[in-house]
Amino acid sequence: MQQRKVSYQTVCSYKYTFRLYLRYLEDVHGISATKVSINHFDLEYLQCFCKYLEEKRKNKPATINNRIAAIKSFMQYVAETAPEYSAISKRVLMLPAQKHELPVMSFITKEEFNALIQVCDTNTFIGARDKLMLLLMYNTGVRVSELLEIKISDIHGADSINHASVIIHGKGRKQREVPLWKTTVKYINKYLKTYPAECTDYLFINKNGDELTRSGVRTRINKLVSQATAQVPSLREKTVTPHTFRHSVAMNLLISGVDISTIAIWLGHSSIETTHKYMIADMDLKRKAMEKVGSAGNSSYKYKPSADIMNFLNSL
């Protein structure tokens, strides 16, 4: 928390990992928490821990990799602060990540999104809040943790429909500013006029006035999807989560011709490699790329780099 300045969610994830590991050492090896030493973080223990997570807890490779990443982070700290344990640390840091198949990326269409909006009963506080939640997720592509951190004071320029934006407090304590659609701004103004609050208050609260939780967001989305399925049956074939809206924003931007580096900034990705997955997810994009290139043996398509590109490459 003090040195790496990681987010609250990361701290919680690391805490949970070490609770699991200490419980594993006691249940499997009979080593109580008070008896644990750095030697019990050696490679052999971690290999058994991976097997324990897979067989006993039925964790998938992605989850196991997250747990091991937390322990590796700790062992990196050990290597820096206690060099006498460097041999153990080196062995642990060499533990390879488990391979796993990446799931097919799911995203919702504009028709499906409109169906979700229409089932929100805006005559009630919950329905009005749900509509605002959907609009912001589909407009900005925020992570659910970022959505819940938005305060009313983070909405900028709401009086000027054409230049409104929202400040997103992202992973790693990074902030980014994302523009808002006119329809989103109009609805925000209407919502805050109906349900006024202090500018320092969180934008999303539950019926008791407390901050909305991640599970609360998931529960509401599940209910809205269930209701909208009657209108748009294609929703029945999809697993719609808060992150699905993030994927949808990325795909909408990509299909609209927005370059990948801009999308990376929009979504708060620290690396374009993270954003690149969206380019390989949509078959229509692949088909358009193929049409641009032309068929085999067709010499009509000739690429000539612009002067700007050549200057950029020469400067590297």
C-alpha atoms as a PDB file:
ATOM      1  CA  MET A   1       0.000   0.000   0.000  1.00  0.00           C
ATOM      2  CA  GLN A   2       2.813   2.432   0.838  1.00  0.00           C
ATOM      3  CA  GLN A   3       5.461   1.430  -1.703  1.00  0.00           C
ATOM      4  CA  ARG A   4       3.543   0.282  -4.770  1.00  0.00           C
ATOM      5  CA  LYS A   5       0.476   2.492  -4.238  1.00  0.00           C
ATOM      6  CA  VAL A   6      -1.828  -0.247  -5.501  1.00  0.00           C
ATOM      7  CA  SER A   7      -5.607   0.061  -5.452  1.00  0.00           C
ATOM      8  CA  TYR A   8      -7.876  -1.124  -2.658  1.00  0.00           C
ATOM      9  CA  GLN A   9      -9.114  -3.987  -4.873  1.00  0.00           C
ATOM     10  CA  THR A  10      -5.546  -5.224  -5.416  1.00  0.00           C
ATOM     11  CA  VAL A  11      -4.849  -5.126  -1.685  1.00  0.00           C
ATOM     12  CA  CYS A  12      -8.010  -7.165  -1.020  1.00  0.00           C
ATOM     13  CA  SER A  13      -7.005  -9.714  -3.665  1.00  0.00           C
ATOM     14  CA  TYR A  14      -3.537 -10.113  -2.136  1.00  0.00           C
ATOM     15  CA  LYS A  15      -4.970 -10.458   1.357  1.00  0.00           C
ATOM     16  CA  TYR A  16      -7.318 -13.197   0.193  1.00  0.00           C
ATOM     17  CA  THR A  17      -4.465 -15.056  -1.505  1.00  0.00           C
ATOM     18  CA  PHE A  18      -2.403 -15.164   1.687  1.00  0.00           C
ATOM     19  CA  ARG A  19      -5.392 -16.262   3.753  1.00  0.00           C
ATOM     20  CA  LEU A  20      -5.800 -19.162   1.326  1.00  0.00           C
ATOM     21  CA  TYR A  21      -2.106 -20.010   1.424  1.00  0.00           C
ATOM     22  CA  LEU A  22      -1.857 -19.989   5.208  1.00  0.00           C
ATOM     23  CA  ARG A  23      -4.970 -22.147   5.434  1.00  0.00           C
ATOM     24  CA  TYR A  24      -3.467 -24.519   2.856  1.00  0.00           C
ATOM     25  CA  LEU A  25      -0.218 -24.833   4.861  1.00  0.00           C
ATOM     26  CA  GLU A  26      -2.168 -25.714   7.988  1.00  0.00           C
ATOM     27  CA  ASP A  27      -4.691 -28.091   6.384  1.00  0.00           C
ATOM     28  CA  VAL A  28      -2.297 -29.928   4.067  1.00  0.00           C
ATOM     29  CA  HIS A  29       1.081 -29.678   5.801  1.00  0.00           C
ATOM     30  CA  GLY A  30       0.026 -29.200   9.422  1.00  0.00           C
ATOM     31  CA  ILE A  31       1.947 -25.918   9.714  1.00  0.00           C
ATOM     32  CA  SER A  32       0.145 -23.317  11.807  1.00  0.00           C
ATOM     33  CA  ALA A  33       0.345 -19.640  10.859  1.00  0.00           C
ATOM     34  CA  THR A  34       2.627 -18.916  13.810  1.00  0.00           C
ATOM     35  CA  LYS A  35       5.158 -21.511  12.578  1.00  0.00           C
ATOM     36  CA  VAL A  36       5.328 -20.369   8.942  1.00  0.00           C
ATOM     37  CA  SER A  37       8.738 -19.228   7.678  1.00  0.00           C
ATOM     38  CA  ILE A  38      10.100 -18.104   4.322  1.00  0.00           C
ATOM     39  CA  ASN A  39      11.173 -21.705   3.716  1.00  0.00           C
ATOM     40  CA  HIS A  40       7.491 -22.602   3.471  1.00  0.00           C
ATOM     41  CA  PHE A  41       7.222 -20.386   0.387  1.00  0.00           C
ATOM     42  CA  ASP A  42       9.746 -22.466  -1.532  1.00  0.00           C
ATOM     43  CA  LEU A  43       8.982 -23.806  -5.005  1.00  0.00           C
ATOM     44  CA  GLU A  44       7.899 -27.264  -3.854  1.00  0.00           C
ATOM     45  CA  TYR A  45       5.228 -25.782  -1.563  1.00  0.00           C
ATOM     46  CA  LEU A  46       3.910 -23.511  -4.298  1.00  0.00           C
ATOM     47  CA  GLN A  47       3.714 -26.358  -6.801  1.00  0.00           C
ATOM     48  CA  CYS A  48       1.633 -28.316  -4.319  1.00  0.00           C
ATOM     49  CA  PHE A  49      -0.456 -25.191  -3.683  1.00  0.00           C
ATOM     50  CA  CYS A  50      -1.254 -24.967  -7.401  1.00  0.00           C
ATOM     51  CA  LYS A  51      -2.365 -28.583  -7.369  1.00  0.00           C
ATOM     52  CA  TYR A  52      -4.441 -27.923  -4.239  1.00  0.00           C
ATOM     53  CA  LEU A  53      -6.199 -24.974  -5.901  1.00  0.00           C
ATOM     54  CA  GLU A  54      -6.938 -27.015  -8.994  1.00  0.00           C
ATOM     55  CA  GLU A  55      -8.088 -30.267  -7.388  1.00  0.00           C
ATOM     56  CA  LYS A  56      -9.583 -29.209  -4.047  1.00  0.00           C
ATOM     57  CA  ARG A  57     -10.929 -25.740  -4.835  1.00  0.00           C
ATOM     58  CA  LYS A  58     -11.603 -26.464  -8.540  1.00  0.00           C
ATOM     59  CA  ASN A  59      -9.941 -23.193  -9.556  1.00  0.00           C
ATOM     60  CA  LYS A  60      -9.313 -22.507 -13.230  1.00  0.00           C
ATOM     61  CA  PRO A  61      -5.804 -21.731 -14.545  1.00  0.00           C
ATOM     62  CA  ALA A  62      -6.499 -17.972 -14.723  1.00  0.00           C
ATOM     63  CA  THR A  63      -7.452 -17.900 -11.034  1.00  0.00           C
ATOM     64  CA  ILE A  64      -4.436 -20.008 -10.053  1.00  0.00           C
ATOM     65  CA  ASN A  65      -2.155 -17.645 -11.993  1.00  0.00           C
ATOM     66  CA  ASN A  66      -3.597 -14.673 -10.084  1.00  0.00           C
ATOM     67  CA  ARG A  67      -2.910 -16.365  -6.743  1.00  0.00           C
ATOM     68  CA  ILE A  68       0.649 -17.249  -7.707  1.00  0.00           C
ATOM     69  CA  ALA A  69       1.242 -13.715  -9.011  1.00  0.00           C
ATOM     70  CA  ALA A  70       0.445 -12.312  -5.572  1.00  0.00           C
ATOM     71  CA  ILE A  71       2.911 -14.682  -3.901  1.00  0.00           C
ATOM     72  CA  LYS A  72       5.558 -13.920  -6.527  1.00  0.00           C
ATOM     73  CA  SER A  73       5.129 -10.237  -5.778  1.00  0.00           C
ATOM     74  CA  PHE A  74       5.786 -10.985  -2.118  1.00  0.00           C
ATOM     75  CA  MET A  75       8.857 -13.073  -2.973  1.00  0.00           C
ATOM     76  CA  GLN A  76      10.204 -10.234  -5.105  1.00  0.00           C
ATOM     77  CA  TYR A  77       9.907  -8.053  -2.013  1.00  0.00           C
ATOM     78  CA  VAL A  78      11.709 -10.751   0.012  1.00  0.00           C
ATOM     79  CA  ALA A  79      14.561 -10.836  -2.520  1.00  0.00           C
ATOM     80  CA  GLU A  80      15.021  -7.076  -2.210  1.00  0.00           C
ATOM     81  CA  THR A  81      14.805  -6.828   1.584  1.00  0.00           C
ATOM     82  CA  ALA A  82      16.296 -10.152   2.705  1.00  0.00           C
ATOM     83  CA  PRO A  83      19.039 -11.233   0.244  1.00  0.00           C
ATOM     84  CA  GLU A  84      19.794 -14.318   2.330  1.00  0.00           C
ATOM     85  CA  TYR A  85      16.590 -15.828   0.910  1.00  0.00           C
ATOM     86  CA  SER A  86      17.441 -14.955  -2.701  1.00  0.00           C
ATOM     87  CA  ALA A  87      17.848 -18.611  -3.704  1.00  0.00           C
ATOM     88  CA  ILE A  88      14.282 -19.389  -2.619  1.00  0.00           C
ATOM     89  CA  SER A  89      12.984 -16.252  -4.277  1.00  0.00           C
ATOM     90  CA  LYS A  90      14.665 -17.068  -7.591  1.00  0.00           C
ATOM     91  CA  ARG A  91      13.151 -20.550  -7.674  1.00  0.00           C
ATOM     92  CA  VAL A  92       9.672 -19.207  -6.938  1.00  0.00           C
ATOM     93  CA  LEU A  93       9.916 -16.448  -9.540  1.00  0.00           C
ATOM     94  CA  MET A  94      10.772 -19.077 -12.161  1.00  0.00           C
ATOM     95  CA  LEU A  95       7.473 -20.913 -11.583  1.00  0.00           C
ATOM     96  CA  PRO A  96       5.705 -20.713 -14.984  1.00  0.00           C
ATOM     97  CA  ALA A  97       2.131 -19.524 -15.368  1.00  0.00           C
ATOM     98  CA  GLN A  98      -0.432 -22.150 -16.249  1.00  0.00           C
ATOM     99  CA  LYS A  99      -1.597 -22.147 -19.831  1.00  0.00           C
ATOM    100  CA  HIS A 100      -5.278 -21.694 -20.464  1.00  0.00           C
ATOM    101  CA  GLU A 101      -7.620 -21.077 -23.345  1.00  0.00           C
ATOM    102  CA  LEU A 102      -8.834 -17.523 -23.646  1.00  0.00           C
ATOM    103  CA  PRO A 103     -12.650 -17.374 -23.721  1.00  0.00           C
ATOM    104  CA  VAL A 104     -14.396 -15.931 -26.747  1.00  0.00           C
ATOM    105  CA  MET A 105     -14.977 -12.277 -26.002  1.00  0.00           C
ATOM    106  CA  SER A 106     -18.619 -11.413 -25.517  1.00  0.00           C
ATOM    107  CA  PHE A 107     -20.163  -8.036 -26.248  1.00  0.00           C
ATOM    108  CA  ILE A 108     -23.701  -6.722 -26.672  1.00  0.00           C
ATOM    109  CA  THR A 109     -25.156  -5.052 -29.737  1.00  0.00           C
ATOM    110  CA  LYS A 110     -26.875  -1.673 -29.763  1.00  0.00           C
ATOM    111  CA  GLU A 111     -30.220  -3.449 -30.129  1.00  0.00           C
ATOM    112  CA  GLU A 112     -29.526  -5.519 -27.021  1.00  0.00           C
ATOM    113  CA  PHE A 113     -28.369  -2.437 -25.120  1.00  0.00           C
ATOM    114  CA  ASN A 114     -31.539  -0.530 -26.043  1.00  0.00           C
ATOM    115  CA  ALA A 115     -33.617  -3.470 -24.846  1.00  0.00           C
ATOM    116  CA  LEU A 116     -31.880  -3.326 -21.453  1.00  0.00           C
ATOM    117  CA  ILE A 117     -32.526   0.424 -21.233  1.00  0.00           C
ATOM    118  CA  GLN A 118     -36.215  -0.002 -22.026  1.00  0.00           C
ATOM    119  CA  VAL A 119     -36.868  -2.448 -19.172  1.00  0.00           C
ATOM    120  CA  CYS A 120     -35.581   0.070 -16.600  1.00  0.00           C
ATOM    121  CA  ASP A 121     -38.576   1.489 -14.731  1.00  0.00           C
ATOM    122  CA  THR A 122     -37.489   5.114 -14.422  1.00  0.00           C
ATOM    123  CA  ASN A 123     -40.541   5.939 -12.290  1.00  0.00           C
ATOM    124  CA  THR A 124     -38.698   4.305  -9.389  1.00  0.00           C
ATOM    125  CA  PHE A 125     -35.336   5.208  -7.849  1.00  0.00           C
ATOM    126  CA  ILE A 126     -33.867   1.751  -8.549  1.00  0.00           C
ATOM    127  CA  GLY A 127     -34.984   1.788 -12.186  1.00  0.00           C
ATOM    128  CA  ALA A 128     -33.715   5.344 -12.738  1.00  0.00           C
ATOM    129  CA  ARG A 129     -30.375   4.456 -11.151  1.00  0.00           C
ATOM    130  CA  ASP A 130     -30.103   1.282 -13.242  1.00  0.00           C
ATOM    131  CA  LYS A 131     -30.599   3.246 -16.454  1.00  0.00           C
ATOM    132  CA  LEU A 132     -27.870   5.696 -15.444  1.00  0.00           C
ATOM    133  CA  MET A 133     -25.610   2.769 -14.596  1.00  0.00           C
ATOM    134  CA  LEU A 134     -26.137   1.187 -18.032  1.00  0.00           C
ATOM    135  CA  LEU A 135     -25.641   4.494 -19.855  1.00  0.00           C
ATOM    136  CA  LEU A 136     -22.342   5.213 -18.119  1.00  0.00           C
ATOM    137  CA  MET A 137     -20.990   1.689 -18.617  1.00  0.00           C
ATOM    138  CA  TYR A 138     -21.916   1.633 -22.314  1.00  0.00           C
ATOM    139  CA  ASN A 139     -20.657   5.192 -22.828  1.00  0.00           C
ATOM    140  CA  THR A 140     -17.335   5.041 -20.964  1.00  0.00           C
ATOM    141  CA  GLY A 141     -16.350   1.363 -20.742  1.00  0.00           C
ATOM    142  CA  VAL A 142     -15.518   1.667 -17.035  1.00  0.00           C
ATOM    143  CA  ARG A 143     -14.631  -1.303 -14.913  1.00  0.00           C
ATOM    144  CA  VAL A 144     -17.228  -2.055 -12.230  1.00  0.00           C
ATOM    145  CA  SER A 145     -14.778  -0.960  -9.500  1.00  0.00           C
ATOM    146  CA  GLU A 146     -14.303   2.348 -11.335  1.00  0.00           C
ATOM    147  CA  LEU A 147     -18.048   2.795 -11.783  1.00  0.00           C
ATOM    148  CA  LEU A 148     -18.655   2.518  -8.057  1.00  0.00           C
ATOM    149  CA  GLU A 149     -15.913   5.077  -7.306  1.00  0.00           C
ATOM    150  CA  ILE A 150     -17.551   7.816  -9.381  1.00  0.00           C
ATOM    151  CA  LYS A 151     -18.711  10.762  -7.294  1.00  0.00           C
ATOM    152  CA  ILE A 152     -21.012  13.534  -8.413  1.00  0.00           C
ATOM    153  CA  SER A 153     -18.027  15.893  -8.333  1.00  0.00           C
ATOM    154  CA  ASP A 154     -16.361  13.714 -11.002  1.00  0.00           C
ATOM    155  CA  ILE A 155     -18.968  14.786 -13.564  1.00  0.00           C
ATOM    156  CA  HIS A 156     -17.521  17.833 -15.323  1.00  0.00           C
ATOM    157  CA  GLY A 157     -19.279  20.280 -17.636  1.00  0.00           C
ATOM    158  CA  ALA A 158     -22.759  18.849 -17.217  1.00  0.00           C
ATOM    159  CA  ASP A 159     -24.151  22.355 -17.865  1.00  0.00           C
ATOM    160  CA  SER A 160     -22.509  22.298 -21.275  1.00  0.00           C
ATOM    161  CA  ILE A 161     -24.015  19.317 -23.085  1.00  0.00           C
ATOM    162  CA  ASN A 162     -21.372  19.308 -25.837  1.00  0.00           C
ATOM    163  CA  HIS A 163     -18.297  19.284 -23.591  1.00  0.00           C
ATOM    164  CA  ALA A 164     -19.231  17.133 -20.592  1.00  0.00           C
ATOM    165  CA  SER A 165     -16.916  14.433 -19.287  1.00  0.00           C
ATOM    166  CA  VAL A 166     -16.360  12.165 -16.316  1.00  0.00           C
ATOM    167  CA  ILE A 167     -13.170  11.595 -14.305  1.00  0.00           C
ATOM    168  CA  ILE A 168     -12.483   7.883 -13.885  1.00  0.00           C
ATOM    169  CA  HIS A 169     -10.332   6.702 -10.984  1.00  0.00           C
ATOM    170  CA  GLY A 170      -8.669   3.663 -12.534  1.00  0.00           C
ATOM    171  CA  LYS A 171      -6.385   0.816 -11.579  1.00  0.00           C
ATOM    172  CA  GLY A 172      -3.085   1.731  -9.998  1.00  0.00           C
ATOM    173  CA  ARG A 173      -4.514   5.066  -8.810  1.00  0.00           C
ATOM    174  CA  LYS A 174      -4.457   6.351 -12.386  1.00  0.00           C
ATOM    175  CA  GLN A 175      -7.055   8.878 -13.501  1.00  0.00           C
ATOM    176  CA  ARG A 176      -8.452   9.448 -16.959  1.00  0.00           C
ATOM    177  CA  GLU A 177     -11.103  11.743 -18.390  1.00  0.00           C
ATOM    178  CA  VAL A 178     -13.725  10.297 -20.730  1.00  0.00           C
ATOM    179  CA  PRO A 179     -16.197  12.368 -22.800  1.00  0.00           C
ATOM    180  CA  LEU A 180     -19.916  11.795 -22.350  1.00  0.00           C
ATOM    181  CA  TRP A 181     -22.658  11.480 -24.946  1.00  0.00           C
ATOM    182  CA  LYS A 182     -25.281  14.215 -25.050  1.00  0.00           C
ATOM    183  CA  THR A 183     -27.955  11.661 -24.126  1.00  0.00           C
ATOM    184  CA  THR A 184     -25.903  10.544 -21.118  1.00  0.00           C
ATOM    185  CA  VAL A 185     -25.398  14.126 -19.903  1.00  0.00           C
ATOM    186  CA  LYS A 186     -29.081  14.981 -20.280  1.00  0.00           C
ATOM    187  CA  TYR A 187     -30.059  11.922 -18.288  1.00  0.00           C
ATOM    188  CA  ILE A 188     -27.476  12.654 -15.567  1.00  0.00           C
ATOM    189  CA  ASN A 189     -28.916  16.158 -15.155  1.00  0.00           C
ATOM    190  CA  LYS A 190     -32.447  14.777 -15.009  1.00  0.00           C
ATOM    191  CA  TYR A 191     -31.430  12.094 -12.510  1.00  0.00           C
ATOM    192  CA  LEU A 192     -29.635  14.514 -10.173  1.00  0.00           C
ATOM    193  CA  LYS A 193     -32.555  16.927 -10.333  1.00  0.00           C
ATOM    194  CA  THR A 194     -34.934  14.141  -9.287  1.00  0.00           C
ATOM    195  CA  TYR A 195     -32.570  12.662  -6.695  1.00  0.00           C
ATOM    196  CA  PRO A 196     -30.356  15.558  -5.495  1.00  0.00           C
ATOM    197  CA  ALA A 197     -27.243  14.851  -3.434  1.00  0.00           C
ATOM    198  CA  GLU A 198     -24.031  16.487  -2.256  1.00  0.00           C
ATOM    199  CA  CYS A 199     -21.295  16.833  -4.885  1.00  0.00           C
ATOM    200  CA  THR A 200     -18.955  14.719  -2.747  1.00  0.00           C
ATOM    201  CA  ASP A 201     -21.433  11.841  -2.599  1.00  0.00           C
ATOM    202  CA  TYR A 202     -21.065   8.665  -4.650  1.00  0.00           C
ATOM    203  CA  LEU A 203     -23.177   8.668  -7.790  1.00  0.00           C
ATOM    204  CA  PHE A 204     -24.425   5.119  -7.288  1.00  0.00           C
ATOM    205  CA  ILE A 205     -26.077   4.176  -4.013  1.00  0.00           C
ATOM    206  CA  ASN A 206     -28.531   1.481  -2.983  1.00  0.00           C
ATOM    207  CA  LYS A 207     -32.063   1.925  -1.656  1.00  0.00           C
ATOM    208  CA  ASN A 208     -30.696   2.349   1.884  1.00  0.00           C
ATOM    209  CA  GLY A 209     -28.466   5.231   0.853  1.00  0.00           C
ATOM    210  CA  ASP A 210     -25.255   3.209   1.143  1.00  0.00           C
ATOM    211  CA  GLU A 211     -22.643   2.879  -1.600  1.00  0.00           C
ATOM    212  CA  LEU A 212     -23.642   0.328  -4.221  1.00  0.00           C
ATOM    213  CA  THR A 213     -21.535  -2.855  -4.229  1.00  0.00           C
ATOM    214  CA  ARG A 214     -20.082  -4.992  -7.011  1.00  0.00           C
ATOM    215  CA  SER A 215     -22.501  -7.799  -6.221  1.00  0.00           C
ATOM    216  CA  GLY A 216     -25.327  -5.275  -6.295  1.00  0.00           C
ATOM    217  CA  VAL A 217     -24.369  -4.231  -9.823  1.00  0.00           C
ATOM    218  CA  ARG A 218     -24.188  -7.865 -10.977  1.00  0.00           C
ATOM    219  CA  THR A 219     -27.575  -8.655  -9.425  1.00  0.00           C
ATOM    220  CA  ARG A 220     -29.246  -5.719 -11.171  1.00  0.00           C
ATOM    221  CA  ILE A 221     -27.689  -6.551 -14.539  1.00  0.00           C
ATOM    222  CA  ASN A 222     -28.805 -10.179 -14.257  1.00  0.00           C
ATOM    223  CA  LYS A 223     -32.354  -9.063 -13.553  1.00  0.00           C
ATOM    224  CA  LEU A 224     -32.422  -6.573 -16.432  1.00  0.00           C
ATOM    225  CA  VAL A 225     -31.023  -9.150 -18.848  1.00  0.00           C
ATOM    226  CA  SER A 226     -33.683 -11.636 -17.748  1.00  0.00           C
ATOM    227  CA  GLN A 227     -36.424  -9.080 -18.406  1.00  0.00           C
ATOM    228  CA  ALA A 228     -35.000  -7.916 -21.755  1.00  0.00           C
ATOM    229  CA  THR A 229     -34.604 -11.456 -23.113  1.00  0.00           C
ATOM    230  CA  ALA A 230     -38.310 -11.559 -24.040  1.00  0.00           C
ATOM    231  CA  GLN A 231     -37.774  -8.591 -26.354  1.00  0.00           C
ATOM    232  CA  VAL A 232     -34.355  -9.597 -27.718  1.00  0.00           C
ATOM    233  CA  PRO A 233     -33.895 -13.414 -27.526  1.00  0.00           C
ATOM    234  CA  SER A 234     -30.197 -13.162 -28.494  1.00  0.00           C
ATOM    235  CA  LEU A 235     -29.450 -12.063 -24.910  1.00  0.00           C
ATOM    236  CA  ARG A 236     -30.342 -15.562 -23.775  1.00  0.00           C
ATOM    237  CA  GLU A 237     -27.234 -16.898 -25.501  1.00  0.00           C
ATOM    238  CA  LYS A 238     -24.864 -14.440 -23.804  1.00  0.00           C
ATOM    239  CA  THR A 239     -23.376 -14.144 -20.353  1.00  0.00           C
ATOM    240  CA  VAL A 240     -23.733 -10.424 -19.680  1.00  0.00           C
ATOM    241  CA  THR A 241     -21.560  -9.084 -16.858  1.00  0.00           C
ATOM    242  CA  PRO A 242     -20.411  -5.542 -16.020  1.00  0.00           C
ATOM    243  CA  HIS A 243     -17.223  -6.271 -17.997  1.00  0.00           C
ATOM    244  CA  THR A 244     -19.301  -7.139 -21.080  1.00  0.00           C
ATOM    245  CA  PHE A 245     -20.157  -3.446 -21.404  1.00  0.00           C
ATOM    246  CA  ARG A 246     -16.435  -2.633 -21.366  1.00  0.00           C
ATOM    247  CA  HIS A 247     -15.869  -5.074 -24.221  1.00  0.00           C
ATOM    248  CA  SER A 248     -18.826  -3.563 -26.071  1.00  0.00           C
ATOM    249  CA  VAL A 249     -17.428  -0.025 -25.838  1.00  0.00           C
ATOM    250  CA  ALA A 250     -14.069  -1.187 -27.175  1.00  0.00           C
ATOM    251  CA  MET A 251     -15.684  -2.987 -30.096  1.00  0.00           C
ATOM    252  CA  ASN A 252     -17.929  -0.006 -30.908  1.00  0.00           C
ATOM    253  CA  LEU A 253     -14.919   2.306 -30.969  1.00  0.00           C
ATOM    254  CA  LEU A 254     -12.901  -0.118 -33.075  1.00  0.00           C
ATOM    255  CA  ILE A 255     -15.704  -0.644 -35.596  1.00  0.00           C
ATOM    256  CA  SER A 256     -16.164   3.133 -35.812  1.00  0.00           C
ATOM    257  CA  GLY A 257     -12.557   3.454 -36.954  1.00  0.00           C
ATOM    258  CA  VAL A 258     -10.979   4.755 -33.744  1.00  0.00           C
ATOM    259  CA  ASP A 259      -7.308   3.764 -33.605  1.00  0.00           C
ATOM    260  CA  ILE A 260      -6.171   1.235 -31.034  1.00  0.00           C
ATOM    261  CA  SER A 261      -3.927   3.640 -29.106  1.00  0.00           C
ATOM    262  CA  THR A 262      -6.881   5.975 -28.499  1.00  0.00           C
ATOM    263  CA  ILE A 263      -8.997   3.039 -27.341  1.00  0.00           C
ATOM    264  CA  ALA A 264      -6.222   2.051 -24.921  1.00  0.00           C
ATOM    265  CA  ILE A 265      -6.277   5.550 -23.414  1.00  0.00           C
ATOM    266  CA  TRP A 266     -10.098   5.518 -23.322  1.00  0.00           C
ATOM    267  CA  LEU A 267     -10.207   2.243 -21.400  1.00  0.00           C
ATOM    268  CA  GLY A 268      -7.260   3.054 -19.149  1.00  0.00           C
ATOM    269  CA  HIS A 269      -5.002   0.272 -20.439  1.00  0.00           C
ATOM    270  CA  SER A 270      -1.353   0.680 -19.511  1.00  0.00           C
ATOM    271  CA  SER A 271      -0.310  -1.287 -22.598  1.00  0.00           C
ATOM    272  CA  ILE A 272      -1.666  -1.458 -26.141  1.00  0.00           C
ATOM    273  CA  GLU A 273      -1.118  -5.219 -25.949  1.00  0.00           C
ATOM    274  CA  THR A 274      -4.080  -5.371 -23.567  1.00  0.00           C
ATOM    275  CA  THR A 275      -6.257  -3.542 -26.079  1.00  0.00           C
ATOM    276  CA  HIS A 276      -5.071  -5.655 -29.008  1.00  0.00           C
ATOM    277  CA  LYS A 277      -7.370  -8.530 -27.981  1.00  0.00           C
ATOM    278  CA  TYR A 278     -10.349  -6.560 -29.261  1.00  0.00           C
ATOM    279  CA  MET A 279      -8.874  -6.472 -32.752  1.00  0.00           C
ATOM    280  CA  ILE A 280      -8.908 -10.269 -32.968  1.00  0.00           C
ATOM    281  CA  ALA A 281     -12.375 -10.723 -31.475  1.00  0.00           C
ATOM    282  CA  ASP A 282     -14.721  -9.538 -34.223  1.00  0.00           C
ATOM    283  CA  MET A 283     -15.080 -11.560 -37.435  1.00  0.00           C
ATOM    284  CA  ASP A 284     -16.458  -8.607 -39.413  1.00  0.00           C
ATOM    285  CA  LEU A 285     -13.254  -6.665 -38.757  1.00  0.00           C
ATOM    286  CA  LYS A 286     -11.197  -9.614 -39.977  1.00  0.00           C
ATOM    287  CA  ARG A 287     -13.329  -9.875 -43.098  1.00  0.00           C
ATOM    288  CA  LYS A 288     -12.934  -6.163 -43.880  1.00  0.00           C
ATOM    289  CA  ALA A 289      -9.179  -6.446 -43.407  1.00  0.00           C
ATOM    290  CA  MET A 290      -9.106  -9.381 -45.836  1.00  0.00           C
ATOM    291  CA  GLU A 291     -11.099  -7.409 -48.426  1.00  0.00           C
ATOM    292  CA  LYS A 292      -8.633  -4.513 -48.166  1.00  0.00           C
ATOM    293  CA  VAL A 293      -5.699  -6.796 -48.837  1.00  0.00           C
ATOM    294  CA  GLY A 294      -7.382  -8.567 -51.755  1.00  0.00           C
ATOM    295  CA  SER A 295      -7.146 -12.160 -52.876  1.00  0.00           C
ATOM    296  CA  ALA A 296      -3.930 -14.093 -53.369  1.00  0.00           C
ATOM    297  CA  GLY A 297      -2.069 -13.006 -56.483  1.00  0.00           C
ATOM    298  CA  ASN A 298      -3.991  -9.732 -56.718  1.00  0.00           C
ATOM    299  CA  SER A 299      -1.430  -6.999 -57.178  1.00  0.00           C
ATOM    300  CA  SER A 300      -3.965  -4.159 -57.155  1.00  0.00           C
ATOM    301  CA  TYR A 301      -3.401  -3.518 -53.453  1.00  0.00           C
ATOM    302  CA  LYS A 302      -0.079  -1.779 -52.919  1.00  0.00           C
ATOM    303  CA  TYR A 303       0.892  -0.202 -49.627  1.00  0.00           C
ATOM    304  CA  LYS A 304       3.101   2.860 -49.533  1.00  0.00           C
ATOM    305  CA  PRO A 305       4.081   4.243 -46.129  1.00  0.00           C
ATOM    306  CA  SER A 306       3.440   7.917 -45.574  1.00  0.00           C
ATOM    307  CA  ALA A 307       6.227  10.368 -44.793  1.00  0.00           C
ATOM    308  CA  ASP A 308       4.967  10.636 -41.212  1.00  0.00           C
ATOM    309  CA  ILE A 309       5.279   6.913 -40.676  1.00  0.00           C
ATOM    310  CA  MET A 310       8.776   6.835 -42.197  1.00  0.00           C
ATOM    311  CA  ASN A 311       9.892   9.721 -40.010  1.00  0.00           C
ATOM    312  CA  PHE A 312       8.511   7.962 -36.958  1.00  0.00           C
ATOM    313  CA  LEU A 313      10.314   4.713 -37.781  1.00  0.00           C
ATOM    314  CA  ASN A 314      13.556   6.554 -38.455  1.00  0.00           C
ATOM    315  CA  SER A 315      13.339   8.245 -35.056  1.00  0.00           C
ATOM    316  CA  LEU A 316      13.202   4.965 -33.118  1.00  0.00           C
END
